[in-house]
Structures are given as structure tokens and as C-alpha cells.
Amino acid sequence: MDILGLDHPTRRALRRERVFRDRTSPFDVYDEQEIYARYRFTREGIHILVNELGDRLEPKTRRSHALSKELKVIIAFNETN
């Protein structure tokens, strides 16, 4: 017997579907010219920034590593436009 009603069929039907977002790296999709046109940095320039910012881009916990360091830098480029 389920006192809280958590096992009720309608409760199970109300669960949200999981949404999987595209986490493809721009480095895998774009060539050198497209990366420069979008971000005004070369692929090598982005890697230099990532190396310089290395420790600051590391997650503070070991729980989740959802975004790579490179993707965090590219997202920051998009936020400044």
C-alpha cells in the first residue's frame, strides 16, 4: 500500500520527459574559417585562452562536467555579442 500516492498510475503519467540538448562541439562541426567568422578567434587562439584560463574554468565539484572548457569560452564569446 502506497500511503503518499507516489505509485499511483496518474502520478507516473505526470513525469516530464527528459530533454537531451545538442552538445556538439563547434570544433567538430566548423572548419577554421567558420570558427573565425563566428568567434573572431582562430582554433589555436581559443585553445591558448583555454590554457591561460585553465584553473578558473574547472568545475568546483566533481559532480558534473557537462560543458568542456572550450565550450565555456565559446559560450562567453556568444554572450558578448
Foldseek 3Di string as FASTA:
>chain_A
DDPVCCPPPVNVVPDDDDDDDDQDDVVVVDDQVVCCVLQVAGPVRLVVVCVVCVVVQDDPDPPDDSHDSSRVVSVVSVVVD
